[in-house]
Amino acid sequence: MDDRQLWERLEAFVREEAAVSSKRRITGSTSVSVDLGQTGDDADIFMDRFFTRFEVDRGDYDFGRYFLMEGEGILYHIVRKYLLRKPHTFEREALTVSMLCKAVSLGKWDAEAIKE
């Protein structure tokens, strides 16, 4: 499969799974969480379907690196950081459509190799 075919398949997948209108432009820099609204359980399902559909080995994929868990709000943050004294931040690495495309090309998730 050439790069154009891969991009078309990936774009169709993203539109279907994230319910993105055909009028909305998807680029390599489109963020899965910010631009496509995939967070919590929705993001987990989205990524699971991505790995299955494109037969990408999960490699070193870590959900918590890119997404907040469902219910990981301010109360969770306060309890974890101040009561349990465990590190916690709301900041996550950006996961873009370009990174998904690179993972498909590699056939596995390699966080360092796909990073922009």
Protein backbone atom coordinates (compact mmCIF):
# COMPACT_ATOMS: atom_id res chain seq x y z
CA MET A 1 0.00 0.00 0.00
CA ASP A 2 1.44 3.37 -0.96
CA ASP A 3 1.40 6.47 1.26
CA ARG A 4 -1.66 7.96 -0.42
CA GLN A 5 -3.72 4.79 0.01
CA LEU A 6 -2.59 4.51 3.61
CA TRP A 7 -3.58 8.11 4.33
CA GLU A 8 -7.00 7.62 2.70
CA ARG A 9 -7.68 4.48 4.76
CA LEU A 10 -6.53 6.19 7.95
CA GLU A 11 -8.57 9.31 7.25
CA ALA A 12 -11.68 7.19 6.59
CA PHE A 13 -11.09 5.34 9.87
CA VAL A 14 -10.67 8.58 11.83
CA ARG A 15 -13.83 10.08 10.32
CA GLU A 16 -15.83 6.95 11.10
CA GLU A 17 -14.57 6.35 14.64
CA ALA A 18 -14.48 9.98 15.78
CA ALA A 19 -17.64 10.99 13.87
CA VAL A 20 -15.84 13.74 11.94
CA SER A 21 -17.72 15.45 9.13
CA SER A 22 -16.36 15.18 5.60
CA LYS A 23 -16.38 18.99 5.54
CA ARG A 24 -13.80 19.15 8.32
CA ARG A 25 -10.17 18.92 7.22
CA ILE A 26 -7.94 16.28 8.79
CA THR A 27 -4.18 16.81 8.58
CA GLY A 28 -1.13 15.12 10.02
CA SER A 29 -1.10 17.62 12.87
CA THR A 30 -4.72 16.93 13.84
CA SER A 31 -4.69 15.98 17.53
CA VAL A 32 -6.64 12.85 18.46
CA SER A 33 -7.68 14.25 21.85
CA VAL A 34 -7.93 18.02 21.29
CA ASP A 35 -9.19 18.22 17.70
CA LEU A 36 -11.08 14.93 17.47
CA GLY A 37 -12.39 14.92 21.05
CA GLN A 38 -11.21 11.42 21.87
CA THR A 39 -10.69 11.25 25.64
CA GLY A 40 -11.16 8.71 28.42
CA ASP A 41 -13.05 5.58 27.43
CA ASP A 42 -13.70 6.95 23.93
CA ALA A 43 -9.96 7.29 23.34
CA ASP A 44 -9.35 3.77 24.66
CA ILE A 45 -11.94 2.33 22.26
CA PHE A 46 -10.60 4.47 19.38
CA MET A 47 -7.04 3.22 19.89
CA ASP A 48 -8.11 -0.40 20.37
CA ARG A 49 -9.97 -0.27 17.07
CA PHE A 50 -6.98 1.44 15.44
CA PHE A 51 -4.60 -1.35 16.48
CA THR A 52 -7.05 -4.00 15.29
CA ARG A 53 -8.06 -2.41 11.98
CA PHE A 54 -4.50 -1.62 10.86
CA GLU A 55 -2.89 -4.69 12.47
CA VAL A 56 -0.42 -2.57 14.41
CA ASP A 57 1.44 -4.28 17.25
CA ARG A 58 0.91 -2.33 20.50
CA GLY A 59 4.66 -2.26 21.21
CA ASP A 60 5.33 0.32 23.93
CA TYR A 61 1.93 2.05 23.64
CA ASP A 62 0.83 3.48 27.00
CA PHE A 63 -2.66 4.98 27.21
CA GLY A 64 -1.68 7.28 30.10
CA ARG A 65 1.09 8.84 28.05
CA TYR A 66 -1.41 10.40 25.62
CA PHE A 67 -4.82 10.47 27.34
CA LEU A 68 -6.43 11.12 30.71
CA MET A 69 -8.42 8.25 32.18
CA GLU A 70 -12.19 8.51 32.39
CA GLY A 71 -12.99 10.48 35.55
CA GLU A 72 -9.45 11.79 35.97
CA GLY A 73 -10.59 15.23 36.99
CA ILE A 74 -9.72 17.76 39.64
CA LEU A 75 -10.88 15.60 42.58
CA TYR A 76 -8.72 12.68 41.40
CA HIS A 77 -5.81 15.09 40.98
CA ILE A 78 -6.16 16.52 44.50
CA VAL A 79 -6.48 13.10 46.14
CA ARG A 80 -3.54 11.61 44.26
CA LYS A 81 -1.18 14.58 44.47
CA TYR A 82 -1.92 16.04 47.89
CA LEU A 83 -3.42 13.26 49.99
CA LEU A 84 -1.54 10.26 48.59
CA ARG A 85 1.54 12.36 47.75
CA LYS A 86 1.94 10.66 44.37
CA PRO A 87 2.93 12.58 41.25
CA HIS A 88 0.11 13.61 38.95
CA THR A 89 -0.36 16.09 36.14
CA PHE A 90 -3.04 16.78 33.56
CA GLU A 91 -0.41 17.26 30.85
CA ARG A 92 -0.12 14.51 28.26
CA GLU A 93 1.94 14.10 25.09
CA ALA A 94 0.08 15.06 21.94
CA LEU A 95 -1.03 12.16 19.76
CA THR A 96 -1.57 13.21 16.14
CA VAL A 97 -2.97 11.55 13.05
CA SER A 98 0.55 11.70 11.59
CA MET A 99 1.77 9.55 14.48
CA LEU A 100 -0.97 7.01 13.76
CA CYS A 101 0.13 6.95 10.12
CA LYS A 102 3.77 6.36 11.10
CA ALA A 103 2.73 3.51 13.41
CA VAL A 104 0.84 1.83 10.57
CA SER A 105 3.89 2.16 8.31
CA LEU A 106 6.13 0.63 11.00
CA GLY A 107 3.62 -2.09 11.86
CA LYS A 108 4.09 -1.45 15.57
CA TRP A 109 3.83 1.30 18.14
CA ASP A 110 7.28 2.71 18.86
CA ALA A 111 6.76 5.95 20.77
CA GLU A 112 10.19 7.36 19.98
CA ALA A 113 10.11 6.44 16.28
CA ILE A 114 6.68 7.96 15.63
CA LYS A 115 7.20 11.12 17.68
CA GLU A 116 7.18 14.24 15.52
